[in-house]
Protein backbone atom coordinates (compact mmCIF):
# COMPACT_ATOMS: atom_id res chain seq x y z
CA UNK A 1 6.49 -6.48 3.43
CA UNK A 2 5.26 -3.88 1.03
CA UNK A 3 7.36 -1.12 2.47
CA UNK A 4 10.86 -2.66 3.48
CA UNK A 5 12.32 -1.19 0.23
CA UNK A 6 10.22 2.00 0.27
CA UNK A 7 13.40 4.45 1.36
CA UNK A 8 11.27 7.78 0.26
CA UNK A 9 8.19 7.73 2.13
CA UNK A 10 9.10 10.03 4.41
CA UNK A 11 9.90 12.41 1.22
CA UNK A 12 6.62 11.45 -0.43
CA UNK A 13 4.40 12.79 3.08
CA UNK A 14 7.13 15.81 3.15
CA UNK A 15 8.08 14.69 6.91
CA UNK A 16 11.78 15.10 8.09
CA UNK A 17 11.59 11.48 9.25
CA UNK A 18 9.06 8.87 10.15
CA UNK A 19 10.00 8.58 13.91
CA UNK A 20 8.59 11.74 14.09
CA UNK A 21 5.27 10.70 13.29
CA UNK A 22 5.19 6.98 15.05
CA UNK A 23 1.26 6.42 13.56
CA UNK A 24 2.91 6.05 10.35
CA UNK A 25 4.45 2.99 11.24
CA UNK A 26 2.23 1.77 13.77
CA UNK A 27 -1.21 2.67 11.85
CA UNK A 28 -1.07 3.40 8.62
CA UNK A 29 1.65 1.25 7.06
CA UNK A 30 0.74 -1.63 8.47
CA UNK A 31 -3.18 -1.25 7.39
CA UNK A 32 -2.15 -0.29 4.20
CA UNK A 33 -0.36 -3.67 3.86
CA UNK A 34 -3.33 -5.10 5.41
CA UNK A 35 -6.03 -3.20 2.76
CA UNK A 36 -4.30 -4.62 0.32
CA UNK A 37 -3.32 -8.37 1.39
CA UNK A 38 -6.84 -8.81 1.67
CA UNK A 39 -7.99 -7.10 -1.24
CA UNK A 40 -5.35 -9.31 -4.05
CA UNK A 41 -4.67 -12.37 -1.45
CA UNK A 42 -1.21 -12.34 1.00
CA UNK A 43 0.79 -15.54 -0.69
CA UNK A 44 0.25 -13.00 -4.39
CA UNK A 45 1.73 -9.43 -2.54
CA UNK A 46 4.54 -11.51 -0.85
CA UNK A 47 5.45 -13.03 -3.85
CA UNK A 48 5.55 -9.50 -5.60
CA UNK A 49 6.18 -6.89 -2.89
CA UNK A 50 8.67 -5.13 -4.87
CA UNK A 51 6.34 -4.88 -7.79
CA UNK A 52 5.78 -1.53 -8.50
CA UNK A 53 2.38 -1.09 -8.69
CA UNK A 54 2.29 -2.87 -5.22
CA UNK A 55 4.78 -0.26 -3.92
CA UNK A 56 3.09 2.76 -5.33
CA UNK A 57 -0.76 1.45 -4.13
CA UNK A 58 1.12 1.40 -0.38
CA UNK A 59 2.56 4.72 -0.40
CA UNK A 60 -1.11 6.18 -2.14
CA UNK A 61 -3.07 4.54 0.45
CA UNK A 62 -0.68 5.42 3.99
CA UNK A 63 -0.16 9.21 2.06
CA UNK A 64 -4.04 9.71 1.57
CA UNK A 65 -4.68 9.00 5.02
CA UNK A 66 -1.43 10.58 6.35
CA UNK A 67 -2.81 13.76 4.91
CA UNK A 68 -6.63 13.21 5.35
CA UNK A 69 -6.95 11.11 8.46
CA UNK A 70 -10.87 11.21 8.24
CA UNK A 71 -10.65 9.16 5.27
CA UNK A 72 -9.19 6.69 6.81
CA UNK A 73 -9.57 2.68 5.45
CA UNK A 74 -11.31 4.78 2.25
CA UNK A 75 -9.66 3.68 -1.59
CA UNK A 76 -9.43 7.18 -3.84
CA UNK A 77 -10.54 6.16 -6.82
CA UNK A 78 -6.96 6.28 -8.46
CA UNK A 79 -6.30 3.74 -5.33
CA UNK A 80 -9.40 1.69 -6.23
CA UNK A 81 -8.23 1.68 -10.16
CA UNK A 82 -4.76 -0.01 -8.72
CA UNK A 83 -6.29 -1.71 -6.40
CA UNK A 84 -8.42 -3.64 -9.42
CA UNK A 85 -5.28 -3.84 -11.69
CA UNK A 86 -3.19 -5.82 -8.72
CA UNK A 87 -6.54 -7.74 -8.65
CA UNK A 88 -6.56 -8.50 -11.68
CA UNK A 89 -3.05 -10.08 -12.24
CA UNK A 90 -3.51 -12.01 -8.95
CA UNK A 91 -6.07 -13.96 -10.71
CA UNK A 92 -4.23 -14.29 -13.92
CA UNK A 93 -1.49 -15.57 -12.23
CA UNK A 94 -4.01 -17.96 -10.43
CA UNK A 95 -5.31 -19.15 -13.73
CA UNK A 96 -1.61 -20.27 -15.11
CA UNK A 97 -1.07 -22.50 -11.96
């Protein structure tokens, strides 16, 4: 969902191809999407999947977990800040309805 339009994820991770690292597609991408959807709300994320902050947060999570596997599932302070921004925006949109 979030990564459908991300063509440069391999460049961000500095790998030749995502197919060379099956854990990216099989574990990291689904985990990042789940963390974001659970924190912000699946409906809001689905409606805003191309939002730059959503995409950037997804890439930050995947890159962090790829380069530092022992941090899998954790949020860095920067990722936490981005998540908080998305949660606030989702709450604002709920208030508008």
